[in-house]
Amino acid sequence: MRCVQLSSEGGRHLCRVESLATRRTIEIEARTV
């Protein structure tokens, strides 16, 4: 999988991740990147 977009807001990070096999995406919220 690969990270296609990364943004930060209010001390948290939001990353959009895409599967290279299916092209479906998932959102990951993280305290630290």
PDB file of all heavy atoms in Angstrom:
ATOM      1  N   MET A   1       0.845  -1.187   0.000  1.00  0.00           N
ATOM      2  CA  MET A   1       0.000   0.000   0.000  1.00  0.00           C
ATOM      3  C   MET A   1       0.885   1.243   0.000  1.00  0.00           C
ATOM      4  O   MET A   1       2.073   1.163   0.306  1.00  0.00           O
ATOM      5  CB  MET A   1      -0.941  -0.003   1.205  1.00  0.00           C
ATOM      6  CG  MET A   1      -1.846  -1.232   1.287  1.00  0.00           C
ATOM      7  SD  MET A   1      -3.023  -1.190   2.660  1.00  0.00           S
ATOM      8  CE  MET A   1      -4.146   0.096   2.107  1.00  0.00           C
ATOM      9  N   ARG A   2       0.275   2.372  -0.342  1.00  0.00           N
ATOM     10  CA  ARG A   2       1.041   3.619  -0.350  1.00  0.00           C
ATOM     11  C   ARG A   2       0.211   4.754   0.204  1.00  0.00           C
ATOM     12  O   ARG A   2      -1.024   4.764   0.096  1.00  0.00           O
ATOM     13  CB  ARG A   2       1.501   3.963  -1.768  1.00  0.00           C
ATOM     14  CG  ARG A   2       0.375   4.305  -2.730  1.00  0.00           C
ATOM     15  CD  ARG A   2       0.880   4.518  -4.152  1.00  0.00           C
ATOM     16  NE  ARG A   2      -0.202   4.901  -5.051  1.00  0.00           N
ATOM     17  CZ  ARG A   2      -0.272   6.070  -5.692  1.00  0.00           C
ATOM     18  NH1 ARG A   2       0.674   6.974  -5.528  1.00  0.00           N
ATOM     19  NH2 ARG A   2      -1.279   6.341  -6.503  1.00  0.00           N
ATOM     20  N   CYS A   3       0.904   5.714   0.819  1.00  0.00           N
ATOM     21  CA  CYS A   3       0.254   6.922   1.320  1.00  0.00           C
ATOM     22  C   CYS A   3       0.151   7.922   0.172  1.00  0.00           C
ATOM     23  O   CYS A   3       1.161   8.261  -0.454  1.00  0.00           O
ATOM     24  CB  CYS A   3       1.053   7.532   2.462  1.00  0.00           C
ATOM     25  SG  CYS A   3       1.131   6.505   3.935  1.00  0.00           S
ATOM     26  N   VAL A   4      -1.040   8.375  -0.113  1.00  0.00           N
ATOM     27  CA  VAL A   4      -1.240   9.279  -1.243  1.00  0.00           C
ATOM     28  C   VAL A   4      -1.541  10.704  -0.809  1.00  0.00           C
ATOM     29  O   VAL A   4      -1.448  11.632  -1.608  1.00  0.00           O
ATOM     30  CB  VAL A   4      -2.369   8.764  -2.158  1.00  0.00           C
ATOM     31  CG1 VAL A   4      -1.962   7.449  -2.803  1.00  0.00           C
ATOM     32  CG2 VAL A   4      -3.680   8.590  -1.390  1.00  0.00           C
ATOM     33  N   GLN A   5      -1.912  10.889   0.468  1.00  0.00           N
ATOM     34  CA  GLN A   5      -2.192  12.242   0.949  1.00  0.00           C
ATOM     35  C   GLN A   5      -1.992  12.278   2.452  1.00  0.00           C
ATOM     36  O   GLN A   5      -2.365  11.344   3.169  1.00  0.00           O
ATOM     37  CB  GLN A   5      -3.628  12.644   0.611  1.00  0.00           C
ATOM     38  CG  GLN A   5      -3.952  14.097   0.937  1.00  0.00           C
ATOM     39  CD  GLN A   5      -5.356  14.478   0.492  1.00  0.00           C
ATOM     40  OE1 GLN A   5      -6.176  13.619   0.204  1.00  0.00           O
ATOM     41  NE2 GLN A   5      -5.625  15.773   0.421  1.00  0.00           N
ATOM     42  N   LEU A   6      -1.399  13.356   2.929  1.00  0.00           N
ATOM     43  CA  LEU A   6      -1.133  13.506   4.358  1.00  0.00           C
ATOM     44  C   LEU A   6      -1.404  14.939   4.770  1.00  0.00           C
ATOM     45  O   LEU A   6      -0.902  15.872   4.144  1.00  0.00           O
ATOM     46  CB  LEU A   6       0.324  13.124   4.669  1.00  0.00           C
ATOM     47  CG  LEU A   6       0.769  13.193   6.129  1.00  0.00           C
ATOM     48  CD1 LEU A   6      -0.004  12.182   6.973  1.00  0.00           C
ATOM     49  CD2 LEU A   6       2.264  12.923   6.235  1.00  0.00           C
ATOM     50  N   SER A   7      -2.205  15.113   5.812  1.00  0.00           N
ATOM     51  CA  SER A   7      -2.514  16.454   6.316  1.00  0.00           C
ATOM     52  C   SER A   7      -2.482  16.427   7.837  1.00  0.00           C
ATOM     53  O   SER A   7      -2.569  15.369   8.467  1.00  0.00           O
ATOM     54  CB  SER A   7      -3.884  16.919   5.823  1.00  0.00           C
ATOM     55  OG  SER A   7      -4.907  16.031   6.261  1.00  0.00           O
ATOM     56  N   SER A   8      -2.379  17.605   8.431  1.00  0.00           N
ATOM     57  CA  SER A   8      -2.326  17.726   9.889  1.00  0.00           C
ATOM     58  C   SER A   8      -3.340  18.748  10.354  1.00  0.00           C
ATOM     59  O   SER A   8      -3.560  19.775   9.698  1.00  0.00           O
ATOM     60  CB  SER A   8      -0.919  18.145  10.341  1.00  0.00           C
ATOM     61  OG  SER A   8       0.049  17.217   9.914  1.00  0.00           O
ATOM     62  N   GLU A   9      -3.949  18.465  11.513  1.00  0.00           N
ATOM     63  CA  GLU A   9      -4.924  19.391  12.072  1.00  0.00           C
ATOM     64  C   GLU A   9      -5.047  19.125  13.564  1.00  0.00           C
ATOM     65  O   GLU A   9      -5.237  17.987  13.997  1.00  0.00           O
ATOM     66  CB  GLU A   9      -6.288  19.211  11.409  1.00  0.00           C
ATOM     67  CG  GLU A   9      -7.338  20.215  11.885  1.00  0.00           C
ATOM     68  CD  GLU A   9      -8.662  20.086  11.164  1.00  0.00           C
ATOM     69  OE1 GLU A   9      -8.713  19.336  10.160  1.00  0.00           O
ATOM     70  OE2 GLU A   9      -9.636  20.721  11.593  1.00  0.00           O
ATOM     71  N   GLY A  10      -4.884  20.184  14.346  1.00  0.00           N
ATOM     72  CA  GLY A  10      -5.077  20.065  15.782  1.00  0.00           C
ATOM     73  C   GLY A  10      -4.155  19.071  16.464  1.00  0.00           C
ATOM     74  O   GLY A  10      -4.546  18.390  17.408  1.00  0.00           O
ATOM     75  N   GLY A  11      -2.916  18.976  15.987  1.00  0.00           N
ATOM     76  CA  GLY A  11      -1.980  18.070  16.617  1.00  0.00           C
ATOM     77  C   GLY A  11      -2.128  16.622  16.188  1.00  0.00           C
ATOM     78  O   GLY A  11      -1.440  15.748  16.716  1.00  0.00           O
ATOM     79  N   ARG A  12      -3.035  16.329  15.270  1.00  0.00           N
ATOM     80  CA  ARG A  12      -3.215  14.972  14.745  1.00  0.00           C
ATOM     81  C   ARG A  12      -2.936  14.966  13.244  1.00  0.00           C
ATOM     82  O   ARG A  12      -3.029  15.991  12.570  1.00  0.00           O
ATOM     83  CB  ARG A  12      -4.640  14.460  15.001  1.00  0.00           C
ATOM     84  CG  ARG A  12      -5.082  14.505  16.448  1.00  0.00           C
ATOM     85  CD  ARG A  12      -4.427  13.442  17.276  1.00  0.00           C
ATOM     86  NE  ARG A  12      -4.934  12.116  16.982  1.00  0.00           N
ATOM     87  CZ  ARG A  12      -4.612  11.028  17.676  1.00  0.00           C
ATOM     88  NH1 ARG A  12      -3.754  11.113  18.672  1.00  0.00           N
ATOM     89  NH2 ARG A  12      -5.113   9.849  17.352  1.00  0.00           N
ATOM     90  N   HIS A  13      -2.600  13.807  12.736  1.00  0.00           N
ATOM     91  CA  HIS A  13      -2.313  13.643  11.315  1.00  0.00           C
ATOM     92  C   HIS A  13      -3.364  12.735  10.693  1.00  0.00           C
ATOM     93  O   HIS A  13      -3.794  11.750  11.295  1.00  0.00           O
ATOM     94  CB  HIS A  13      -0.931  13.025  11.107  1.00  0.00           C
ATOM     95  CG  HIS A  13       0.190  13.807  11.721  1.00  0.00           C
ATOM     96  ND1 HIS A  13       0.805  14.853  11.071  1.00  0.00           N
ATOM     97  CD2 HIS A  13       0.793  13.708  12.925  1.00  0.00           C
ATOM     98  CE1 HIS A  13       1.751  15.353  11.845  1.00  0.00           C
ATOM     99  NE2 HIS A  13       1.765  14.669  12.979  1.00  0.00           N
ATOM    100  N   LEU A  14      -3.755  13.064   9.478  1.00  0.00           N
ATOM    101  CA  LEU A  14      -4.701  12.247   8.728  1.00  0.00           C
ATOM    102  C   LEU A  14      -4.042  11.848   7.406  1.00  0.00           C
ATOM    103  O   LEU A  14      -3.623  12.711   6.638  1.00  0.00           O
ATOM    104  CB  LEU A  14      -6.005  12.992   8.469  1.00  0.00           C
ATOM    105  CG  LEU A  14      -7.144  12.165   7.865  1.00  0.00           C
ATOM    106  CD1 LEU A  14      -7.573  11.054   8.821  1.00  0.00           C
ATOM    107  CD2 LEU A  14      -8.330  13.054   7.525  1.00  0.00           C
ATOM    108  N   CYS A  15      -3.973  10.547   7.169  1.00  0.00           N
ATOM    109  CA  CYS A  15      -3.314  10.033   5.979  1.00  0.00           C
ATOM    110  C   CYS A  15      -4.283   9.179   5.179  1.00  0.00           C
ATOM    111  O   CYS A  15      -4.979   8.320   5.749  1.00  0.00           O
ATOM    112  CB  CYS A  15      -2.090   9.197   6.371  1.00  0.00           C
ATOM    113  SG  CYS A  15      -1.138   8.564   4.973  1.00  0.00           S
ATOM    114  N   ARG A  16      -4.333   9.401   3.885  1.00  0.00           N
ATOM    115  CA  ARG A  16      -5.129   8.552   3.007  1.00  0.00           C
ATOM    116  C   ARG A  16      -4.193   7.547   2.347  1.00  0.00           C
ATOM    117  O   ARG A  16      -3.200   7.904   1.730  1.00  0.00           O
ATOM    118  CB  ARG A  16      -5.865   9.390   1.954  1.00  0.00           C
ATOM    119  CG  ARG A  16      -6.809   8.559   1.072  1.00  0.00           C
ATOM    120  CD  ARG A  16      -7.843   9.453   0.401  1.00  0.00           C
ATOM    121  NE  ARG A  16      -7.213  10.445  -0.441  1.00  0.00           N
ATOM    122  CZ  ARG A  16      -6.910  10.262  -1.731  1.00  0.00           C
ATOM    123  NH1 ARG A  16      -7.165   9.098  -2.319  1.00  0.00           N
ATOM    124  NH2 ARG A  16      -6.362  11.224  -2.432  1.00  0.00           N
ATOM    125  N   VAL A  17      -4.544   6.270   2.503  1.00  0.00           N
ATOM    126  CA  VAL A  17      -3.704   5.164   2.049  1.00  0.00           C
ATOM    127  C   VAL A  17      -4.447   4.390   0.974  1.00  0.00           C
ATOM    128  O   VAL A  17      -5.645   4.121   1.094  1.00  0.00           O
ATOM    129  CB  VAL A  17      -3.344   4.242   3.229  1.00  0.00           C
ATOM    130  CG1 VAL A  17      -2.555   3.033   2.758  1.00  0.00           C
ATOM    131  CG2 VAL A  17      -2.561   5.011   4.283  1.00  0.00           C
ATOM    132  N   GLU A  18      -3.717   4.027  -0.077  1.00  0.00           N
ATOM    133  CA  GLU A  18      -4.321   3.315  -1.204  1.00  0.00           C
ATOM    134  C   GLU A  18      -3.684   1.937  -1.365  1.00  0.00           C
ATOM    135  O   GLU A  18      -2.461   1.783  -1.331  1.00  0.00           O
ATOM    136  CB  GLU A  18      -4.120   4.118  -2.488  1.00  0.00           C
ATOM    137  CG  GLU A  18      -4.703   3.465  -3.738  1.00  0.00           C
ATOM    138  CD  GLU A  18      -4.399   4.253  -4.992  1.00  0.00           C
ATOM    139  OE1 GLU A  18      -3.209   4.364  -5.353  1.00  0.00           O
ATOM    140  OE2 GLU A  18      -5.349   4.774  -5.603  1.00  0.00           O
ATOM    141  N   SER A  19      -4.540   0.925  -1.556  1.00  0.00           N
ATOM    142  CA  SER A  19      -4.055  -0.416  -1.860  1.00  0.00           C
ATOM    143  C   SER A  19      -3.576  -0.471  -3.299  1.00  0.00           C
ATOM    144  O   SER A  19      -4.284  -0.072  -4.221  1.00  0.00           O
ATOM    145  CB  SER A  19      -5.175  -1.443  -1.650  1.00  0.00           C
ATOM    146  OG  SER A  19      -4.836  -2.685  -2.242  1.00  0.00           O
ATOM    147  N   LEU A  20      -2.365  -0.978  -3.500  1.00  0.00           N
ATOM    148  CA  LEU A  20      -1.843  -1.099  -4.856  1.00  0.00           C
ATOM    149  C   LEU A  20      -2.460  -2.279  -5.593  1.00  0.00           C
ATOM    150  O   LEU A  20      -2.339  -2.382  -6.813  1.00  0.00           O
ATOM    151  CB  LEU A  20      -0.318  -1.252  -4.809  1.00  0.00           C
ATOM    152  CG  LEU A  20       0.436  -0.045  -4.242  1.00  0.00           C
ATOM    153  CD1 LEU A  20       1.936  -0.288  -4.258  1.00  0.00           C
ATOM    154  CD2 LEU A  20       0.108   1.217  -5.012  1.00  0.00           C
ATOM    155  N   ALA A  21      -3.130  -3.159  -4.859  1.00  0.00           N
ATOM    156  CA  ALA A  21      -3.768  -4.314  -5.498  1.00  0.00           C
ATOM    157  C   ALA A  21      -5.196  -4.008  -5.930  1.00  0.00           C
ATOM    158  O   ALA A  21      -5.620  -4.406  -7.015  1.00  0.00           O
ATOM    159  CB  ALA A  21      -3.763  -5.508  -4.540  1.00  0.00           C
ATOM    160  N   THR A  22      -5.949  -3.274  -5.087  1.00  0.00           N
ATOM    161  CA  THR A  22      -7.369  -3.060  -5.370  1.00  0.00           C
ATOM    162  C   THR A  22      -7.728  -1.614  -5.657  1.00  0.00           C
ATOM    163  O   THR A  22      -8.838  -1.335  -6.110  1.00  0.00           O
ATOM    164  CB  THR A  22      -8.203  -3.530  -4.170  1.00  0.00           C
ATOM    165  OG1 THR A  22      -7.928  -2.674  -3.037  1.00  0.00           O
ATOM    166  CG2 THR A  22      -7.884  -4.974  -3.802  1.00  0.00           C
ATOM    167  N   ARG A  23      -6.797  -0.664  -5.340  1.00  0.00           N
ATOM    168  CA  ARG A  23      -7.019   0.781  -5.490  1.00  0.00           C
ATOM    169  C   ARG A  23      -8.053   1.318  -4.503  1.00  0.00           C
ATOM    170  O   ARG A  23      -8.435   2.492  -4.596  1.00  0.00           O
ATOM    171  CB  ARG A  23      -7.441   1.152  -6.925  1.00  0.00           C
ATOM    172  CG  ARG A  23      -6.411   0.775  -7.978  1.00  0.00           C
ATOM    173  CD  ARG A  23      -5.073   1.421  -7.703  1.00  0.00           C
ATOM    174  NE  ARG A  23      -4.063   1.008  -8.655  1.00  0.00           N
ATOM    175  CZ  ARG A  23      -2.770   1.326  -8.572  1.00  0.00           C
ATOM    176  NH1 ARG A  23      -2.346   2.054  -7.565  1.00  0.00           N
ATOM    177  NH2 ARG A  23      -1.915   0.907  -9.469  1.00  0.00           N
ATOM    178  N   ARG A  24      -8.508   0.502  -3.573  1.00  0.00           N
ATOM    179  CA  ARG A  24      -9.373   1.020  -2.518  1.00  0.00           C
ATOM    180  C   ARG A  24      -8.539   1.826  -1.533  1.00  0.00           C
ATOM    181  O   ARG A  24      -7.331   1.638  -1.407  1.00  0.00           O
ATOM    182  CB  ARG A  24     -10.086  -0.125  -1.795  1.00  0.00           C
ATOM    183  CG  ARG A  24     -11.093  -0.855  -2.666  1.00  0.00           C
ATOM    184  CD  ARG A  24     -11.850  -1.887  -1.854  1.00  0.00           C
ATOM    185  NE  ARG A  24     -12.573  -1.276  -0.748  1.00  0.00           N
ATOM    186  CZ  ARG A  24     -13.154  -1.979   0.231  1.00  0.00           C
ATOM    187  NH1 ARG A  24     -13.063  -3.303   0.226  1.00  0.00           N
ATOM    188  NH2 ARG A  24     -13.806  -1.374   1.197  1.00  0.00           N
ATOM    189  N   THR A  25      -9.182   2.737  -0.817  1.00  0.00           N
ATOM    190  CA  THR A  25      -8.459   3.619   0.091  1.00  0.00           C
ATOM    191  C   THR A  25      -8.972   3.480   1.519  1.00  0.00           C
ATOM    192  O   THR A  25     -10.088   3.010   1.759  1.00  0.00           O
ATOM    193  CB  THR A  25      -8.579   5.089  -0.344  1.00  0.00           C
ATOM    194  OG1 THR A  25      -9.960   5.479  -0.311  1.00  0.00           O
ATOM    195  CG2 THR A  25      -8.011   5.288  -1.741  1.00  0.00           C
ATOM    196  N   ILE A  26      -8.140   3.902   2.443  1.00  0.00           N
ATOM    197  CA  ILE A  26      -8.499   3.919   3.855  1.00  0.00           C
ATOM    198  C   ILE A  26      -7.898   5.171   4.476  1.00  0.00           C
ATOM    199  O   ILE A  26      -6.837   5.645   4.059  1.00  0.00           O
ATOM    200  CB  ILE A  26      -7.985   2.642   4.569  1.00  0.00           C
ATOM    201  CG1 ILE A  26      -8.508   2.593   6.006  1.00  0.00           C
ATOM    202  CG2 ILE A  26      -6.480   2.564   4.545  1.00  0.00           C
ATOM    203  CD1 ILE A  26      -8.213   1.279   6.700  1.00  0.00           C
ATOM    204  N   GLU A  27      -8.584   5.728   5.465  1.00  0.00           N
ATOM    205  CA  GLU A  27      -8.092   6.892   6.186  1.00  0.00           C
ATOM    206  C   GLU A  27      -7.464   6.431   7.501  1.00  0.00           C
ATOM    207  O   GLU A  27      -8.046   5.634   8.233  1.00  0.00           O
ATOM    208  CB  GLU A  27      -9.228   7.872   6.481  1.00  0.00           C
ATOM    209  CG  GLU A  27      -9.943   8.410   5.250  1.00  0.00           C
ATOM    210  CD  GLU A  27      -9.096   9.385   4.461  1.00  0.00           C
ATOM    211  OE1 GLU A  27      -8.161   9.967   5.050  1.00  0.00           O
ATOM    212  OE2 GLU A  27      -9.369   9.576   3.259  1.00  0.00           O
ATOM    213  N   ILE A  28      -6.279   6.937   7.791  1.00  0.00           N
ATOM    214  CA  ILE A  28      -5.586   6.604   9.032  1.00  0.00           C
ATOM    215  C   ILE A  28      -5.336   7.890   9.805  1.00  0.00           C
ATOM    216  O   ILE A  28      -4.715   8.826   9.297  1.00  0.00           O
ATOM    217  CB  ILE A  28      -4.250   5.891   8.763  1.00  0.00           C
ATOM    218  CG1 ILE A  28      -4.467   4.609   7.957  1.00  0.00           C
ATOM    219  CG2 ILE A  28      -3.535   5.576  10.075  1.00  0.00           C
ATOM    220  CD1 ILE A  28      -3.189   3.896   7.592  1.00  0.00           C
ATOM    221  N   GLU A  29      -5.836   7.935  11.039  1.00  0.00           N
ATOM    222  CA  GLU A  29      -5.571   9.061  11.926  1.00  0.00           C
ATOM    223  C   GLU A  29      -4.457   8.664  12.877  1.00  0.00           C
ATOM    224  O   GLU A  29      -4.519   7.598  13.497  1.00  0.00           O
ATOM    225  CB  GLU A  29      -6.821   9.441  12.717  1.00  0.00           C
ATOM    226  CG  GLU A  29      -6.617  10.660  13.598  1.00  0.00           C
ATOM    227  CD  GLU A  29      -7.840  10.976  14.447  1.00  0.00           C
ATOM    228  OE1 GLU A  29      -8.779  10.167  14.467  1.00  0.00           O
ATOM    229  OE2 GLU A  29      -7.841  12.041  15.099  1.00  0.00           O
ATOM    230  N   ALA A  30      -3.432   9.493  12.989  1.00  0.00           N
ATOM    231  CA  ALA A  30      -2.269   9.138  13.797  1.00  0.00           C
ATOM    232  C   ALA A  30      -1.835  10.313  14.659  1.00  0.00           C
ATOM    233  O   ALA A  30      -1.888  11.471  14.236  1.00  0.00           O
ATOM    234  CB  ALA A  30      -1.112   8.693  12.907  1.00  0.00           C
ATOM    235  N   ARG A  31      -1.393   9.982  15.853  1.00  0.00           N
ATOM    236  CA  ARG A  31      -0.851  10.994  16.739  1.00  0.00           C
ATOM    237  C   ARG A  31       0.530  11.447  16.268  1.00  0.00           C
ATOM    238  O   ARG A  31       0.874  12.623  16.338  1.00  0.00           O
ATOM    239  CB  ARG A  31      -0.769  10.411  18.150  1.00  0.00           C
ATOM    240  CG  ARG A  31      -0.332  11.369  19.225  1.00  0.00           C
ATOM    241  CD  ARG A  31      -0.133  10.604  20.524  1.00  0.00           C
ATOM    242  NE  ARG A  31       0.121  11.475  21.648  1.00  0.00           N
ATOM    243  CZ  ARG A  31       0.685  11.080  22.785  1.00  0.00           C
ATOM    244  NH1 ARG A  31       1.035   9.817  22.923  1.00  0.00           N
ATOM    245  NH2 ARG A  31       0.881  11.931  23.774  1.00  0.00           N
ATOM    246  N   THR A  32       1.321  10.496  15.794  1.00  0.00           N
ATOM    247  CA  THR A  32       2.691  10.760  15.349  1.00  0.00           C
ATOM    248  C   THR A  32       2.916  10.087  14.008  1.00  0.00           C
ATOM    249  O   THR A  32       2.468   8.957  13.796  1.00  0.00           O
ATOM    250  CB  THR A  32       3.711  10.211  16.373  1.00  0.00           C
ATOM    251  OG1 THR A  32       3.493  10.842  17.641  1.00  0.00           O
ATOM    252  CG2 THR A  32       5.141  10.447  15.915  1.00  0.00           C
ATOM    253  N   VAL A  33       3.610  10.772  13.100  1.00  0.00           N
ATOM    254  CA  VAL A  33       3.948  10.196  11.802  1.00  0.00           C
ATOM    255  C   VAL A  33       5.468  10.148  11.669  1.00  0.00           C
ATOM    256  O   VAL A  33       6.162  11.123  11.960  1.00  0.00           O
ATOM    257  CB  VAL A  33       3.348  11.011  10.642  1.00  0.00           C
ATOM    258  CG1 VAL A  33       3.859  10.498   9.299  1.00  0.00           C
ATOM    259  CG2 VAL A  33       1.828  10.944  10.680  1.00  0.00           C
TER     260      VAL A  33
END
